[in-house]
Amino acid sequence: MAYEMIHFSEQELACKHCGKSGCTDELKMALDEFRQIVDLPVMVNDAYRCDEHNRKVSLVSKSQHPLGTAADIRVPGLTLQEMYDAAKKVLAFNFGGIGVYDRHFIHVDVRPMPARWGFVGNREVAAAALVRL
């Protein structure tokens, strides 16, 4: 049985290119948990991406988006640090991936191992710099 989302529609999480849905239940549950933690509207920039769309928008060869395990999100009114701190409170994201982008969004994913990164401009910053942005 598929997980029924509380705070997000399938359309919000579907590929912006083809409209296909493909997010895992684990990601959906983690996104709902994140929304409950921040208690504010969470905007989804991008979640599931078909391979074609991912090739057009990502420089990452092993992106989590085509696997349905990642989303790029933002919370109007919160700083990058506040979004990062909230994402760490979600176990699936804390044990998965969290990336911070100075275009004022964060990437969250439910990969099976921790990963942290940040981008300022087009330059990647060390994970240690994510302690306080």
N, C-alpha and C. Protein backbone atom coordinates (compact mmCIF):
# COMPACT_ATOMS: atom_id res chain seq x y z
N MET A 1 0.83 -1.18 0.00
CA MET A 1 0.00 0.00 0.00
C MET A 1 0.88 1.25 0.00
N ALA A 2 0.58 2.20 -0.85
CA ALA A 2 1.38 3.41 -0.98
C ALA A 2 1.09 4.39 0.15
N TYR A 3 2.10 5.12 0.53
CA TYR A 3 1.97 6.13 1.58
C TYR A 3 1.14 7.28 1.05
N GLU A 4 0.17 7.73 1.82
CA GLU A 4 -0.65 8.88 1.44
C GLU A 4 -0.07 10.12 2.11
N MET A 5 0.36 11.06 1.29
CA MET A 5 1.00 12.26 1.81
C MET A 5 -0.01 13.17 2.51
N ILE A 6 0.47 13.82 3.55
CA ILE A 6 -0.35 14.76 4.30
C ILE A 6 -0.18 16.17 3.72
N HIS A 7 1.03 16.55 3.44
CA HIS A 7 1.33 17.94 3.11
C HIS A 7 1.69 18.19 1.65
N PHE A 8 1.90 17.16 0.86
CA PHE A 8 2.35 17.34 -0.51
C PHE A 8 1.47 16.53 -1.45
N SER A 9 1.26 17.08 -2.64
CA SER A 9 0.50 16.34 -3.65
C SER A 9 1.49 15.61 -4.57
N GLU A 10 0.99 14.59 -5.25
CA GLU A 10 1.83 13.88 -6.23
C GLU A 10 2.33 14.85 -7.30
N GLN A 11 1.49 15.82 -7.66
CA GLN A 11 1.86 16.79 -8.69
C GLN A 11 3.07 17.63 -8.24
N GLU A 12 3.12 18.00 -6.96
CA GLU A 12 4.25 18.78 -6.46
C GLU A 12 5.56 18.01 -6.55
N LEU A 13 5.49 16.69 -6.41
CA LEU A 13 6.69 15.87 -6.38
C LEU A 13 7.03 15.25 -7.73
N ALA A 14 6.15 15.40 -8.71
CA ALA A 14 6.34 14.79 -10.03
C ALA A 14 7.42 15.52 -10.84
N CYS A 15 7.93 14.84 -11.84
CA CYS A 15 8.94 15.40 -12.73
C CYS A 15 8.39 16.64 -13.42
N LYS A 16 9.16 17.73 -13.37
CA LYS A 16 8.74 19.00 -14.00
C LYS A 16 8.77 18.89 -15.53
N HIS A 17 9.46 17.89 -16.05
CA HIS A 17 9.60 17.71 -17.49
C HIS A 17 8.46 16.88 -18.09
N CYS A 18 8.19 15.74 -17.49
CA CYS A 18 7.22 14.81 -18.09
C CYS A 18 5.98 14.56 -17.24
N GLY A 19 6.01 15.01 -15.98
CA GLY A 19 4.88 14.82 -15.09
C GLY A 19 4.80 13.46 -14.42
N LYS A 20 5.77 12.60 -14.67
CA LYS A 20 5.76 11.26 -14.06
C LYS A 20 6.03 11.36 -12.57
N SER A 21 5.29 10.57 -11.80
CA SER A 21 5.52 10.45 -10.36
C SER A 21 6.48 9.31 -10.13
N GLY A 22 7.36 9.47 -9.16
CA GLY A 22 8.31 8.39 -8.91
C GLY A 22 8.98 8.46 -7.55
N CYS A 23 8.49 9.30 -6.66
CA CYS A 23 9.11 9.42 -5.33
C CYS A 23 8.77 8.22 -4.47
N THR A 24 9.75 7.79 -3.71
CA THR A 24 9.55 6.66 -2.81
C THR A 24 8.70 7.07 -1.61
N ASP A 25 8.06 6.09 -1.00
CA ASP A 25 7.28 6.36 0.21
C ASP A 25 8.18 6.90 1.32
N GLU A 26 9.40 6.40 1.40
CA GLU A 26 10.33 6.87 2.43
C GLU A 26 10.58 8.38 2.29
N LEU A 27 10.77 8.84 1.05
CA LEU A 27 10.98 10.28 0.84
C LEU A 27 9.72 11.05 1.20
N LYS A 28 8.57 10.56 0.79
CA LYS A 28 7.32 11.25 1.09
C LYS A 28 7.10 11.39 2.60
N MET A 29 7.36 10.32 3.33
CA MET A 29 7.19 10.37 4.79
C MET A 29 8.18 11.35 5.42
N ALA A 30 9.41 11.36 4.93
CA ALA A 30 10.42 12.26 5.47
C ALA A 30 10.07 13.72 5.17
N LEU A 31 9.56 13.99 3.97
CA LEU A 31 9.14 15.35 3.64
C LEU A 31 7.98 15.80 4.52
N ASP A 32 7.03 14.90 4.76
CA ASP A 32 5.92 15.23 5.66
C ASP A 32 6.43 15.51 7.07
N GLU A 33 7.40 14.72 7.53
CA GLU A 33 7.97 14.94 8.86
C GLU A 33 8.67 16.29 8.92
N PHE A 34 9.42 16.63 7.87
CA PHE A 34 10.09 17.93 7.79
C PHE A 34 9.06 19.06 7.88
N ARG A 35 7.97 18.92 7.15
CA ARG A 35 6.92 19.95 7.16
C ARG A 35 6.31 20.09 8.56
N GLN A 36 6.13 19.01 9.25
CA GLN A 36 5.60 19.07 10.61
C GLN A 36 6.58 19.77 11.56
N ILE A 37 7.86 19.56 11.36
CA ILE A 37 8.89 20.18 12.21
C ILE A 37 8.91 21.69 12.00
N VAL A 38 8.93 22.14 10.75
CA VAL A 38 9.03 23.59 10.51
C VAL A 38 7.70 24.30 10.73
N ASP A 39 6.60 23.57 10.58
CA ASP A 39 5.26 24.13 10.77
C ASP A 39 5.03 25.38 9.93
N LEU A 40 5.54 25.33 8.71
CA LEU A 40 5.40 26.40 7.72
C LEU A 40 5.22 25.76 6.35
N PRO A 41 4.72 26.50 5.37
CA PRO A 41 4.63 25.95 4.02
C PRO A 41 6.03 25.61 3.48
N VAL A 42 6.16 24.44 2.88
CA VAL A 42 7.41 23.99 2.28
C VAL A 42 7.19 23.94 0.77
N MET A 43 8.02 24.66 0.05
CA MET A 43 7.93 24.72 -1.40
C MET A 43 8.89 23.69 -2.01
N VAL A 44 8.37 22.89 -2.93
CA VAL A 44 9.20 21.87 -3.60
C VAL A 44 9.66 22.44 -4.93
N ASN A 45 10.97 22.70 -5.04
CA ASN A 45 11.53 23.17 -6.31
C ASN A 45 11.59 22.02 -7.30
N ASP A 46 11.96 20.85 -6.82
CA ASP A 46 12.20 19.70 -7.68
C ASP A 46 12.22 18.46 -6.79
N ALA A 47 11.63 17.38 -7.24
CA ALA A 47 11.72 16.12 -6.51
C ALA A 47 12.10 15.04 -7.53
N TYR A 48 11.14 14.17 -7.89
CA TYR A 48 11.46 13.14 -8.88
C TYR A 48 11.83 13.80 -10.20
N ARG A 49 12.86 13.26 -10.87
CA ARG A 49 13.24 13.71 -12.21
C ARG A 49 13.42 12.48 -13.10
N CYS A 50 12.81 12.53 -14.28
CA CYS A 50 13.09 11.48 -15.25
C CYS A 50 14.55 11.65 -15.69
N ASP A 51 15.12 10.63 -16.29
CA ASP A 51 16.53 10.68 -16.69
C ASP A 51 16.81 11.84 -17.63
N GLU A 52 15.91 12.09 -18.57
CA GLU A 52 16.13 13.18 -19.54
C GLU A 52 16.19 14.53 -18.83
N HIS A 53 15.23 14.76 -17.95
CA HIS A 53 15.21 16.03 -17.21
C HIS A 53 16.44 16.15 -16.32
N ASN A 54 16.83 15.08 -15.67
CA ASN A 54 18.00 15.12 -14.79
C ASN A 54 19.27 15.45 -15.57
N ARG A 55 19.40 14.90 -16.77
CA ARG A 55 20.58 15.22 -17.59
C ARG A 55 20.63 16.70 -17.93
N LYS A 56 19.48 17.33 -18.10
CA LYS A 56 19.43 18.75 -18.46
C LYS A 56 19.74 19.68 -17.29
N VAL A 57 19.39 19.29 -16.08
CA VAL A 57 19.49 20.22 -14.95
C VAL A 57 20.55 19.88 -13.92
N SER A 58 21.13 18.69 -13.98
CA SER A 58 22.07 18.28 -12.93
C SER A 58 23.45 18.02 -13.48
N LEU A 59 24.44 18.44 -12.72
CA LEU A 59 25.82 18.12 -13.05
C LEU A 59 26.29 16.86 -12.35
N VAL A 60 25.42 16.30 -11.53
CA VAL A 60 25.76 15.13 -10.73
C VAL A 60 25.40 13.86 -11.49
N SER A 61 26.37 13.00 -11.70
CA SER A 61 26.11 11.78 -12.47
C SER A 61 25.31 10.75 -11.69
N LYS A 62 25.43 10.76 -10.38
CA LYS A 62 24.70 9.77 -9.56
C LYS A 62 23.65 10.47 -8.71
N SER A 63 22.86 11.29 -9.34
CA SER A 63 21.82 12.04 -8.65
C SER A 63 20.79 11.11 -8.02
N GLN A 64 20.28 11.51 -6.87
CA GLN A 64 19.24 10.75 -6.18
C GLN A 64 17.85 11.05 -6.76
N HIS A 65 17.70 12.13 -7.50
CA HIS A 65 16.39 12.52 -8.03
C HIS A 65 15.77 11.46 -8.96
N PRO A 66 16.49 10.89 -9.92
CA PRO A 66 15.87 9.86 -10.77
C PRO A 66 15.50 8.58 -10.02
N LEU A 67 16.06 8.41 -8.84
CA LEU A 67 15.72 7.25 -8.01
C LEU A 67 14.46 7.50 -7.19
N GLY A 68 14.00 8.75 -7.20
CA GLY A 68 12.81 9.10 -6.43
C GLY A 68 13.09 9.26 -4.95
N THR A 69 14.35 9.49 -4.61
CA THR A 69 14.74 9.55 -3.20
C THR A 69 15.20 10.94 -2.77
N ALA A 70 14.99 11.98 -3.61
CA ALA A 70 15.51 13.30 -3.29
C ALA A 70 14.52 14.39 -3.65
N ALA A 71 14.66 15.52 -2.95
CA ALA A 71 13.87 16.72 -3.26
C ALA A 71 14.70 17.95 -2.95
N ASP A 72 14.50 18.98 -3.74
CA ASP A 72 15.07 20.30 -3.48
C ASP A 72 13.92 21.14 -2.96
N ILE A 73 14.08 21.68 -1.75
CA ILE A 73 12.98 22.37 -1.09
C ILE A 73 13.43 23.70 -0.52
N ARG A 74 12.45 24.56 -0.26
CA ARG A 74 12.73 25.83 0.41
C ARG A 74 11.55 26.15 1.31
N VAL A 75 11.84 26.92 2.34
CA VAL A 75 10.80 27.35 3.28
C VAL A 75 10.89 28.86 3.38
N PRO A 76 9.98 29.58 2.72
CA PRO A 76 10.01 31.04 2.83
C PRO A 76 9.94 31.46 4.30
N GLY A 77 10.82 32.38 4.65
CA GLY A 77 10.87 32.86 6.04
C GLY A 77 11.95 32.20 6.87
N LEU A 78 12.51 31.09 6.41
CA LEU A 78 13.59 30.44 7.15
C LEU A 78 14.92 30.68 6.45
N THR A 79 15.97 30.78 7.23
CA THR A 79 17.32 30.90 6.68
C THR A 79 17.79 29.53 6.21
N LEU A 80 18.86 29.51 5.47
CA LEU A 80 19.47 28.23 5.07
C LEU A 80 19.85 27.43 6.29
N GLN A 81 20.39 28.09 7.30
CA GLN A 81 20.79 27.39 8.52
C GLN A 81 19.58 26.76 9.21
N GLU A 82 18.47 27.48 9.28
CA GLU A 82 17.27 26.95 9.91
C GLU A 82 16.71 25.76 9.13
N MET A 83 16.75 25.84 7.80
CA MET A 83 16.28 24.71 7.00
C MET A 83 17.19 23.50 7.19
N TYR A 84 18.50 23.74 7.21
CA TYR A 84 19.48 22.66 7.42
C TYR A 84 19.27 22.01 8.78
N ASP A 85 19.12 22.83 9.82
CA ASP A 85 18.91 22.31 11.17
C ASP A 85 17.62 21.49 11.26
N ALA A 86 16.56 21.95 10.60
CA ALA A 86 15.30 21.20 10.60
C ALA A 86 15.46 19.87 9.87
N ALA A 87 16.18 19.88 8.75
CA ALA A 87 16.39 18.64 7.99
C ALA A 87 17.15 17.61 8.81
N LYS A 88 18.10 18.06 9.64
CA LYS A 88 18.86 17.13 10.48
C LYS A 88 17.98 16.45 11.52
N LYS A 89 16.84 17.05 11.87
CA LYS A 89 15.92 16.46 12.85
C LYS A 89 15.10 15.32 12.26
N VAL A 90 15.07 15.21 10.94
CA VAL A 90 14.37 14.11 10.26
C VAL A 90 15.38 12.98 10.11
N LEU A 91 15.15 11.87 10.79
CA LEU A 91 16.13 10.77 10.80
C LEU A 91 16.52 10.32 9.40
N ALA A 92 15.55 10.20 8.51
CA ALA A 92 15.84 9.72 7.15
C ALA A 92 16.78 10.68 6.42
N PHE A 93 16.67 11.98 6.67
CA PHE A 93 17.57 12.95 6.05
C PHE A 93 18.90 13.00 6.80
N ASN A 94 18.86 12.93 8.13
CA ASN A 94 20.09 12.97 8.91
C ASN A 94 20.99 11.78 8.57
N PHE A 95 20.38 10.62 8.33
CA PHE A 95 21.16 9.44 7.94
C PHE A 95 21.34 9.38 6.42
N GLY A 96 20.74 10.30 5.69
CA GLY A 96 20.85 10.38 4.24
C GLY A 96 21.63 11.61 3.82
N GLY A 97 21.12 12.31 2.82
CA GLY A 97 21.83 13.46 2.27
C GLY A 97 21.14 14.78 2.55
N ILE A 98 21.97 15.79 2.85
CA ILE A 98 21.49 17.16 2.98
C ILE A 98 22.53 18.06 2.30
N GLY A 99 22.08 18.80 1.31
CA GLY A 99 22.94 19.76 0.62
C GLY A 99 22.33 21.14 0.74
N VAL A 100 23.19 22.16 0.85
CA VAL A 100 22.74 23.53 1.02
C VAL A 100 23.23 24.35 -0.17
N TYR A 101 22.33 25.15 -0.72
CA TYR A 101 22.64 25.95 -1.90
C TYR A 101 22.33 27.42 -1.61
N ASP A 102 23.25 28.29 -1.97
CA ASP A 102 23.07 29.70 -1.65
C ASP A 102 21.98 30.37 -2.49
N ARG A 103 21.36 29.62 -3.38
CA ARG A 103 20.19 30.15 -4.10
C ARG A 103 18.95 29.95 -3.22
N HIS A 104 19.17 29.74 -1.97
CA HIS A 104 18.19 29.64 -0.88
C HIS A 104 17.27 28.43 -0.99
N PHE A 105 17.89 27.27 -1.18
CA PHE A 105 17.15 26.02 -1.05
C PHE A 105 18.09 24.96 -0.51
N ILE A 106 17.48 23.88 -0.01
CA ILE A 106 18.27 22.74 0.42
C ILE A 106 17.83 21.50 -0.37
N HIS A 107 18.77 20.61 -0.54
CA HIS A 107 18.51 19.29 -1.13
C HIS A 107 18.45 18.32 0.04
N VAL A 108 17.42 17.48 0.04
CA VAL A 108 17.33 16.43 1.05
C VAL A 108 17.10 15.10 0.34
N ASP A 109 17.68 14.04 0.88
CA ASP A 109 17.44 12.73 0.29
C ASP A 109 17.54 11.63 1.33
N VAL A 110 17.03 10.48 0.95
CA VAL A 110 16.96 9.34 1.86
C VAL A 110 17.91 8.22 1.43
N ARG A 111 19.07 8.60 0.89
CA ARG A 111 20.08 7.61 0.49
C ARG A 111 20.50 6.81 1.73
N PRO A 112 21.11 5.65 1.55
CA PRO A 112 21.41 4.78 2.69
C PRO A 112 22.68 5.14 3.47
N MET A 113 23.28 6.32 3.20
CA MET A 113 24.48 6.72 3.94
C MET A 113 24.51 8.25 4.04
N PRO A 114 25.11 8.78 5.08
CA PRO A 114 25.16 10.23 5.24
C PRO A 114 26.00 10.91 4.17
N ALA A 115 25.52 12.05 3.71
CA ALA A 115 26.27 12.89 2.77
C ALA A 115 25.91 14.34 3.07
N ARG A 116 26.90 15.22 3.08
CA ARG A 116 26.68 16.64 3.31
C ARG A 116 27.51 17.43 2.32
N TRP A 117 26.96 18.52 1.80
CA TRP A 117 27.68 19.40 0.89
C TRP A 117 26.97 20.74 0.83
N GLY A 118 27.64 21.70 0.26
CA GLY A 118 27.05 23.01 0.06
C GLY A 118 27.63 23.64 -1.19
N PHE A 119 26.87 24.53 -1.81
CA PHE A 119 27.34 25.27 -2.97
C PHE A 119 27.13 26.75 -2.73
N VAL A 120 28.19 27.52 -2.92
CA VAL A 120 28.14 28.96 -2.88
C VAL A 120 28.56 29.41 -4.26
N GLY A 121 27.65 30.11 -4.96
CA GLY A 121 27.90 30.38 -6.36
C GLY A 121 27.89 29.05 -7.08
N ASN A 122 28.88 28.78 -7.87
CA ASN A 122 29.00 27.48 -8.52
C ASN A 122 30.13 26.66 -7.91
N ARG A 123 30.53 27.05 -6.70
CA ARG A 123 31.67 26.40 -6.05
C ARG A 123 31.20 25.58 -4.85
N GLU A 124 31.65 24.35 -4.81
CA GLU A 124 31.31 23.49 -3.67
C GLU A 124 32.13 23.91 -2.46
N VAL A 125 31.47 23.92 -1.30
CA VAL A 125 32.18 24.25 -0.05
C VAL A 125 32.29 22.99 0.78
N ALA A 126 33.27 22.96 1.64
CA ALA A 126 33.50 21.79 2.48
C ALA A 126 32.34 21.57 3.42
N ALA A 127 32.09 20.32 3.74
CA ALA A 127 30.99 19.96 4.65
C ALA A 127 31.16 20.63 6.00
N ALA A 128 32.38 20.86 6.43
CA ALA A 128 32.62 21.51 7.73
C ALA A 128 32.06 22.92 7.74
N ALA A 129 31.98 23.55 6.59
CA ALA A 129 31.44 24.91 6.50
C ALA A 129 29.93 24.94 6.72
N LEU A 130 29.29 23.78 6.71
CA LEU A 130 27.85 23.73 6.90
C LEU A 130 27.45 23.87 8.36
N VAL A 131 28.41 23.88 9.26
CA VAL A 131 28.09 24.03 10.67
C VAL A 131 27.35 25.34 10.88
N ARG A 132 27.78 26.39 10.32
CA ARG A 132 27.08 27.69 10.37
C ARG A 132 27.26 28.39 9.04
N LEU A 133 26.16 28.53 8.33
CA LEU A 133 26.20 29.24 7.04
C LEU A 133 25.86 30.69 7.23
